[in-house]
Amino acid sequence: MKKHIEYDFLVHNIGENKEQAYMAIIPAFNNAMVFGADLEELEKGIIIMIETEIVDLKIAGKPIPKPDRTSEYSGKLIIRIDPVLHEKLSLESKARQISLNKYIERKLAVE
């Protein structure tokens, strides 16, 4: 079973020349950095880093940061956009015969 990570982290693709390499920054733990050759390795490293940081803080008698996430994201996002952009996106999604939500999701997923 995949372990739920309760702290936010930022992932950066640091690979060059089509090579996979990633770096994650964990703000709650003084911007601790983790590196991984792929996303699976990076995730494992994040979990280990958080567990290690918590143990170190306990040993030092320092407070442990509260988790950033106590539940999963619902997948629902409400935003306000310019009506002209809304119309444009709507027409583009209809032309592709997909829902507006799915079209926006695909556009946002492109890096």
C-alpha atoms as a PDB file:
ATOM      1  CA  MET A   1       0.000   0.000   0.000  1.00  0.00           C
ATOM      2  CA  LYS A   2       1.308   3.420  -0.971  1.00  0.00           C
ATOM      3  CA  LYS A   3       2.144   5.640   1.991  1.00  0.00           C
ATOM      4  CA  HIS A   4       0.343   8.979   2.159  1.00  0.00           C
ATOM      5  CA  ILE A   5       2.740  11.917   2.431  1.00  0.00           C
ATOM      6  CA  GLU A   6       1.254  14.512   4.791  1.00  0.00           C
ATOM      7  CA  TYR A   7       3.735  17.299   4.070  1.00  0.00           C
ATOM      8  CA  ASP A   8       3.857  19.451   0.962  1.00  0.00           C
ATOM      9  CA  PHE A   9       6.847  19.208  -1.332  1.00  0.00           C
ATOM     10  CA  LEU A  10       7.893  20.826  -4.592  1.00  0.00           C
ATOM     11  CA  VAL A  11       9.267  18.670  -7.390  1.00  0.00           C
ATOM     12  CA  HIS A  12      11.698  19.979  -9.991  1.00  0.00           C
ATOM     13  CA  ASN A  13      12.814  18.106 -13.085  1.00  0.00           C
ATOM     14  CA  ILE A  14      16.589  18.567 -13.082  1.00  0.00           C
ATOM     15  CA  GLY A  15      17.414  16.044 -15.798  1.00  0.00           C
ATOM     16  CA  GLU A  16      19.366  17.111 -18.842  1.00  0.00           C
ATOM     17  CA  ASN A  17      19.497  15.734 -22.389  1.00  0.00           C
ATOM     18  CA  LYS A  18      16.337  13.619 -21.981  1.00  0.00           C
ATOM     19  CA  GLU A  19      17.798  12.072 -18.808  1.00  0.00           C
ATOM     20  CA  GLN A  20      15.434  11.629 -15.871  1.00  0.00           C
ATOM     21  CA  ALA A  21      16.443  13.266 -12.613  1.00  0.00           C
ATOM     22  CA  TYR A  22      14.341  14.965  -9.988  1.00  0.00           C
ATOM     23  CA  MET A  23      14.748  17.101  -6.895  1.00  0.00           C
ATOM     24  CA  ALA A  24      12.127  17.692  -4.209  1.00  0.00           C
ATOM     25  CA  ILE A  25      12.094  20.457  -1.611  1.00  0.00           C
ATOM     26  CA  ILE A  26      10.154  19.950   1.640  1.00  0.00           C
ATOM     27  CA  PRO A  27       9.393  23.427   3.076  1.00  0.00           C
ATOM     28  CA  ALA A  28       8.162  22.204   6.492  1.00  0.00           C
ATOM     29  CA  PHE A  29      11.617  20.814   7.264  1.00  0.00           C
ATOM     30  CA  ASN A  30      13.828  23.828   6.522  1.00  0.00           C
ATOM     31  CA  ASN A  31      13.576  23.227   2.769  1.00  0.00           C
ATOM     32  CA  ALA A  32      15.129  19.775   3.026  1.00  0.00           C
ATOM     33  CA  MET A  33      16.132  18.510  -0.424  1.00  0.00           C
ATOM     34  CA  VAL A  34      15.791  15.016  -1.827  1.00  0.00           C
ATOM     35  CA  PHE A  35      17.058  13.713  -5.163  1.00  0.00           C
ATOM     36  CA  GLY A  36      15.906  10.778  -7.252  1.00  0.00           C
ATOM     37  CA  ALA A  37      16.680   9.220 -10.611  1.00  0.00           C
ATOM     38  CA  ASP A  38      12.941   8.752 -11.201  1.00  0.00           C
ATOM     39  CA  LEU A  39       9.705   9.768  -9.502  1.00  0.00           C
ATOM     40  CA  GLU A  40       9.359   6.472  -7.625  1.00  0.00           C
ATOM     41  CA  GLU A  41      12.833   6.809  -6.131  1.00  0.00           C
ATOM     42  CA  LEU A  42      12.129  10.461  -5.327  1.00  0.00           C
ATOM     43  CA  GLU A  43       8.922   9.573  -3.478  1.00  0.00           C
ATOM     44  CA  LYS A  44      10.701   6.928  -1.402  1.00  0.00           C
ATOM     45  CA  GLY A  45      13.400   9.474  -0.579  1.00  0.00           C
ATOM     46  CA  ILE A  46      10.808  12.050   0.477  1.00  0.00           C
ATOM     47  CA  ILE A  47       9.200   9.572   2.874  1.00  0.00           C
ATOM     48  CA  ILE A  48      12.582   8.618   4.355  1.00  0.00           C
ATOM     49  CA  MET A  49      13.621  12.281   4.687  1.00  0.00           C
ATOM     50  CA  ILE A  50      10.404  13.228   6.503  1.00  0.00           C
ATOM     51  CA  GLU A  51      10.664  10.232   8.857  1.00  0.00           C
ATOM     52  CA  THR A  52      14.324  11.056   9.572  1.00  0.00           C
ATOM     53  CA  GLU A  53      13.586  14.738  10.196  1.00  0.00           C
ATOM     54  CA  ILE A  54      10.775  13.861  12.624  1.00  0.00           C
ATOM     55  CA  VAL A  55      13.040  11.470  14.574  1.00  0.00           C
ATOM     56  CA  ASP A  56      15.810  14.101  14.711  1.00  0.00           C
ATOM     57  CA  LEU A  57      13.385  16.770  15.950  1.00  0.00           C
ATOM     58  CA  LYS A  58      12.044  14.433  18.646  1.00  0.00           C
ATOM     59  CA  ILE A  59      15.573  13.604  19.822  1.00  0.00           C
ATOM     60  CA  ALA A  60      16.438  17.305  19.918  1.00  0.00           C
ATOM     61  CA  GLY A  61      13.239  18.057  21.874  1.00  0.00           C
ATOM     62  CA  LYS A  62      12.054  20.441  19.143  1.00  0.00           C
ATOM     63  CA  PRO A  63       8.473  20.766  17.908  1.00  0.00           C
ATOM     64  CA  ILE A  64       7.420  18.725  14.896  1.00  0.00           C
ATOM     65  CA  PRO A  65       5.748  20.748  12.142  1.00  0.00           C
ATOM     66  CA  LYS A  66       2.052  20.089  11.720  1.00  0.00           C
ATOM     67  CA  PRO A  67       1.230  18.188   8.532  1.00  0.00           C
ATOM     68  CA  ASP A  68       0.248  20.351   5.573  1.00  0.00           C
ATOM     69  CA  ARG A  69      -2.319  17.788   4.461  1.00  0.00           C
ATOM     70  CA  THR A  70      -4.680  15.874   6.633  1.00  0.00           C
ATOM     71  CA  SER A  71      -6.780  14.546   3.766  1.00  0.00           C
ATOM     72  CA  GLU A  72      -6.515  13.853   0.072  1.00  0.00           C
ATOM     73  CA  TYR A  73      -7.359  16.542  -2.464  1.00  0.00           C
ATOM     74  CA  SER A  74     -10.865  16.191  -3.829  1.00  0.00           C
ATOM     75  CA  GLY A  75      -9.915  17.008  -7.407  1.00  0.00           C
ATOM     76  CA  LYS A  76     -12.348  19.912  -7.417  1.00  0.00           C
ATOM     77  CA  LEU A  77     -10.928  23.354  -8.202  1.00  0.00           C
ATOM     78  CA  ILE A  78     -13.037  26.467  -8.572  1.00  0.00           C
ATOM     79  CA  ILE A  79     -11.436  29.381 -10.402  1.00  0.00           C
ATOM     80  CA  ARG A  80     -12.528  32.643 -11.983  1.00  0.00           C
ATOM     81  CA  ILE A  81     -11.281  33.434 -15.477  1.00  0.00           C
ATOM     82  CA  ASP A  82     -11.939  36.063 -18.105  1.00  0.00           C
ATOM     83  CA  PRO A  83     -15.210  35.286 -19.974  1.00  0.00           C
ATOM     84  CA  VAL A  84     -13.423  35.518 -23.333  1.00  0.00           C
ATOM     85  CA  LEU A  85     -10.908  32.878 -22.232  1.00  0.00           C
ATOM     86  CA  HIS A  86     -13.762  30.736 -20.871  1.00  0.00           C
ATOM     87  CA  GLU A  87     -15.482  30.872 -24.260  1.00  0.00           C
ATOM     88  CA  LYS A  88     -12.243  30.065 -26.110  1.00  0.00           C
ATOM     89  CA  LEU A  89     -11.530  27.053 -23.901  1.00  0.00           C
ATOM     90  CA  SER A  90     -15.108  25.864 -24.215  1.00  0.00           C
ATOM     91  CA  LEU A  91     -14.998  26.031 -28.030  1.00  0.00           C
ATOM     92  CA  GLU A  92     -11.637  24.241 -28.119  1.00  0.00           C
ATOM     93  CA  SER A  93     -12.966  21.452 -25.893  1.00  0.00           C
ATOM     94  CA  LYS A  94     -16.070  21.037 -28.062  1.00  0.00           C
ATOM     95  CA  ALA A  95     -13.906  20.838 -31.186  1.00  0.00           C
ATOM     96  CA  ARG A  96     -11.990  17.989 -29.545  1.00  0.00           C
ATOM     97  CA  GLN A  97     -15.229  16.372 -28.360  1.00  0.00           C
ATOM     98  CA  ILE A  98     -14.188  16.282 -24.713  1.00  0.00           C
ATOM     99  CA  SER A  99     -15.544  17.999 -21.640  1.00  0.00           C
ATOM    100  CA  LEU A 100     -14.271  21.428 -20.685  1.00  0.00           C
ATOM    101  CA  ASN A 101     -12.947  20.013 -17.406  1.00  0.00           C
ATOM    102  CA  LYS A 102     -10.985  17.252 -19.183  1.00  0.00           C
ATOM    103  CA  TYR A 103      -9.627  19.755 -21.731  1.00  0.00           C
ATOM    104  CA  ILE A 104      -8.401  22.162 -19.036  1.00  0.00           C
ATOM    105  CA  GLU A 105      -6.918  19.247 -17.079  1.00  0.00           C
ATOM    106  CA  ARG A 106      -4.937  18.159 -20.146  1.00  0.00           C
ATOM    107  CA  LYS A 107      -3.749  21.706 -20.812  1.00  0.00           C
ATOM    108  CA  LEU A 108      -2.594  22.113 -17.200  1.00  0.00           C
ATOM    109  CA  ALA A 109      -0.798  18.763 -17.203  1.00  0.00           C
ATOM    110  CA  VAL A 110       1.507  19.823 -20.047  1.00  0.00           C
ATOM    111  CA  GLU A 111       4.902  20.845 -18.697  1.00  0.00           C
END
